[in-house]
Amino acid sequence: MNANDITIGLRVRITSNGMIALVVGTPEYYNPRSKLVRIKYENSTRFEYMISNQMDPLPTEDQYPALGGSYKRPDNSV
């Protein structure tokens, strides 16, 4: 995933574990081809840094309304 396409609030799938996460920070320098991005896994309290090329954005319809999608967070989620 290109670091220029990453915005706060973007829902992404992590390729290494298949989990869905929410981008909560701006990309930080890692090396010229990839950046570190702070994420929060859905339905978890865990935050971590992920390399930008290990993330795939979810389709637009699975994004929050602020990013053009129609996703609504379930009431029982963390």
C-alpha atoms as a PDB file:
ATOM      1  CA  MET A   1       0.000   0.000   0.000  1.00  0.00           C
ATOM      2  CA  ASN A   2       1.349   3.418  -0.936  1.00  0.00           C
ATOM      3  CA  ALA A   3       2.031   5.581   2.133  1.00  0.00           C
ATOM      4  CA  ASN A   4       0.474   8.600   0.369  1.00  0.00           C
ATOM      5  CA  ASP A   5      -2.904   6.808   0.319  1.00  0.00           C
ATOM      6  CA  ILE A   6      -2.968   6.252   4.091  1.00  0.00           C
ATOM      7  CA  THR A   7      -5.254   8.539   6.086  1.00  0.00           C
ATOM      8  CA  ILE A   8      -6.359   8.492   9.695  1.00  0.00           C
ATOM      9  CA  GLY A   9      -9.583   6.503  10.006  1.00  0.00           C
ATOM     10  CA  LEU A  10      -8.859   4.191   7.054  1.00  0.00           C
ATOM     11  CA  ARG A  11      -9.882   0.566   7.644  1.00  0.00           C
ATOM     12  CA  VAL A  12      -7.226  -1.885   6.440  1.00  0.00           C
ATOM     13  CA  ARG A  13      -6.616  -5.635   6.382  1.00  0.00           C
ATOM     14  CA  ILE A  14      -3.227  -6.736   7.695  1.00  0.00           C
ATOM     15  CA  THR A  15      -1.738  -9.248   5.258  1.00  0.00           C
ATOM     16  CA  SER A  16       0.375 -11.094   7.838  1.00  0.00           C
ATOM     17  CA  ASN A  17      -2.531 -12.104  10.101  1.00  0.00           C
ATOM     18  CA  GLY A  18      -5.719 -11.291   8.144  1.00  0.00           C
ATOM     19  CA  MET A  19      -7.111  -9.030  10.888  1.00  0.00           C
ATOM     20  CA  ILE A  20      -8.908  -5.739  10.243  1.00  0.00           C
ATOM     21  CA  ALA A  21      -7.427  -2.613  11.764  1.00  0.00           C
ATOM     22  CA  LEU A  22      -8.022   1.121  11.861  1.00  0.00           C
ATOM     23  CA  VAL A  23      -5.268   3.601  11.011  1.00  0.00           C
ATOM     24  CA  VAL A  24      -4.837   5.939  13.994  1.00  0.00           C
ATOM     25  CA  GLY A  25      -1.625   7.762  13.093  1.00  0.00           C
ATOM     26  CA  THR A  26       0.142   9.322  10.150  1.00  0.00           C
ATOM     27  CA  PRO A  27       2.872   7.349   8.366  1.00  0.00           C
ATOM     28  CA  GLU A  28       6.327   7.721   9.919  1.00  0.00           C
ATOM     29  CA  TYR A  29       9.662   7.216   8.195  1.00  0.00           C
ATOM     30  CA  TYR A  30      10.939   3.621   8.060  1.00  0.00           C
ATOM     31  CA  ASN A  31      12.833   3.379   4.777  1.00  0.00           C
ATOM     32  CA  PRO A  32      12.401   4.959   1.333  1.00  0.00           C
ATOM     33  CA  ARG A  33       9.962   2.268   0.101  1.00  0.00           C
ATOM     34  CA  SER A  34       7.763   1.798   3.179  1.00  0.00           C
ATOM     35  CA  LYS A  35       6.579   3.664   6.261  1.00  0.00           C
ATOM     36  CA  LEU A  36       5.528   2.696   9.784  1.00  0.00           C
ATOM     37  CA  VAL A  37       1.846   3.325  10.497  1.00  0.00           C
ATOM     38  CA  ARG A  38       0.169   3.229  13.926  1.00  0.00           C
ATOM     39  CA  ILE A  39      -2.926   0.995  13.860  1.00  0.00           C
ATOM     40  CA  LYS A  40      -5.575  -0.297  16.271  1.00  0.00           C
ATOM     41  CA  TYR A  41      -7.078  -3.730  15.701  1.00  0.00           C
ATOM     42  CA  GLU A  42     -10.873  -3.851  15.625  1.00  0.00           C
ATOM     43  CA  ASN A  43     -12.549  -5.470  18.660  1.00  0.00           C
ATOM     44  CA  SER A  44      -9.285  -5.208  20.566  1.00  0.00           C
ATOM     45  CA  THR A  45      -7.483  -2.705  22.755  1.00  0.00           C
ATOM     46  CA  ARG A  46      -4.164  -3.489  21.069  1.00  0.00           C
ATOM     47  CA  PHE A  47      -2.260  -0.777  19.216  1.00  0.00           C
ATOM     48  CA  GLU A  48       0.897  -1.405  17.226  1.00  0.00           C
ATOM     49  CA  TYR A  49       3.027  -0.120  14.376  1.00  0.00           C
ATOM     50  CA  MET A  50       2.718  -1.870  11.022  1.00  0.00           C
ATOM     51  CA  ILE A  51       4.797  -1.495   7.875  1.00  0.00           C
ATOM     52  CA  SER A  52       2.714   0.168   5.165  1.00  0.00           C
ATOM     53  CA  ASN A  53       3.393  -2.519   2.546  1.00  0.00           C
ATOM     54  CA  GLN A  54       1.825  -5.150   4.862  1.00  0.00           C
ATOM     55  CA  MET A  55      -1.599  -3.463   4.763  1.00  0.00           C
ATOM     56  CA  ASP A  56      -4.361  -3.535   2.156  1.00  0.00           C
ATOM     57  CA  PRO A  57      -7.210  -0.994   2.295  1.00  0.00           C
ATOM     58  CA  LEU A  58     -10.724  -2.396   2.542  1.00  0.00           C
ATOM     59  CA  PRO A  59     -13.141  -1.538  -0.307  1.00  0.00           C
ATOM     60  CA  THR A  60     -14.798   1.885  -0.170  1.00  0.00           C
ATOM     61  CA  GLU A  61     -18.154   0.461   0.945  1.00  0.00           C
ATOM     62  CA  ASP A  62     -16.410  -1.008   4.032  1.00  0.00           C
ATOM     63  CA  GLN A  63     -14.953   2.362   5.077  1.00  0.00           C
ATOM     64  CA  TYR A  64     -16.474   4.827   7.533  1.00  0.00           C
ATOM     65  CA  PRO A  65     -18.817   7.509   6.094  1.00  0.00           C
ATOM     66  CA  ALA A  66     -16.156  10.218   6.532  1.00  0.00           C
ATOM     67  CA  LEU A  67     -14.060   8.356   3.948  1.00  0.00           C
ATOM     68  CA  GLY A  68     -16.946   7.732   1.530  1.00  0.00           C
ATOM     69  CA  GLY A  69     -18.160   4.369   2.817  1.00  0.00           C
ATOM     70  CA  SER A  70     -21.244   3.148   4.638  1.00  0.00           C
ATOM     71  CA  TYR A  71     -19.691   1.064   7.435  1.00  0.00           C
ATOM     72  CA  LYS A  72     -21.238   1.458  10.880  1.00  0.00           C
ATOM     73  CA  ARG A  73     -19.428   0.127  13.933  1.00  0.00           C
ATOM     74  CA  PRO A  74     -21.358  -2.645  15.759  1.00  0.00           C
ATOM     75  CA  ASP A  75     -22.732  -1.632  19.167  1.00  0.00           C
ATOM     76  CA  ASN A  76     -20.897  -4.411  21.006  1.00  0.00           C
ATOM     77  CA  SER A  77     -17.399  -3.591  19.705  1.00  0.00           C
ATOM     78  CA  VAL A  78     -14.536  -2.094  21.689  1.00  0.00           C
END
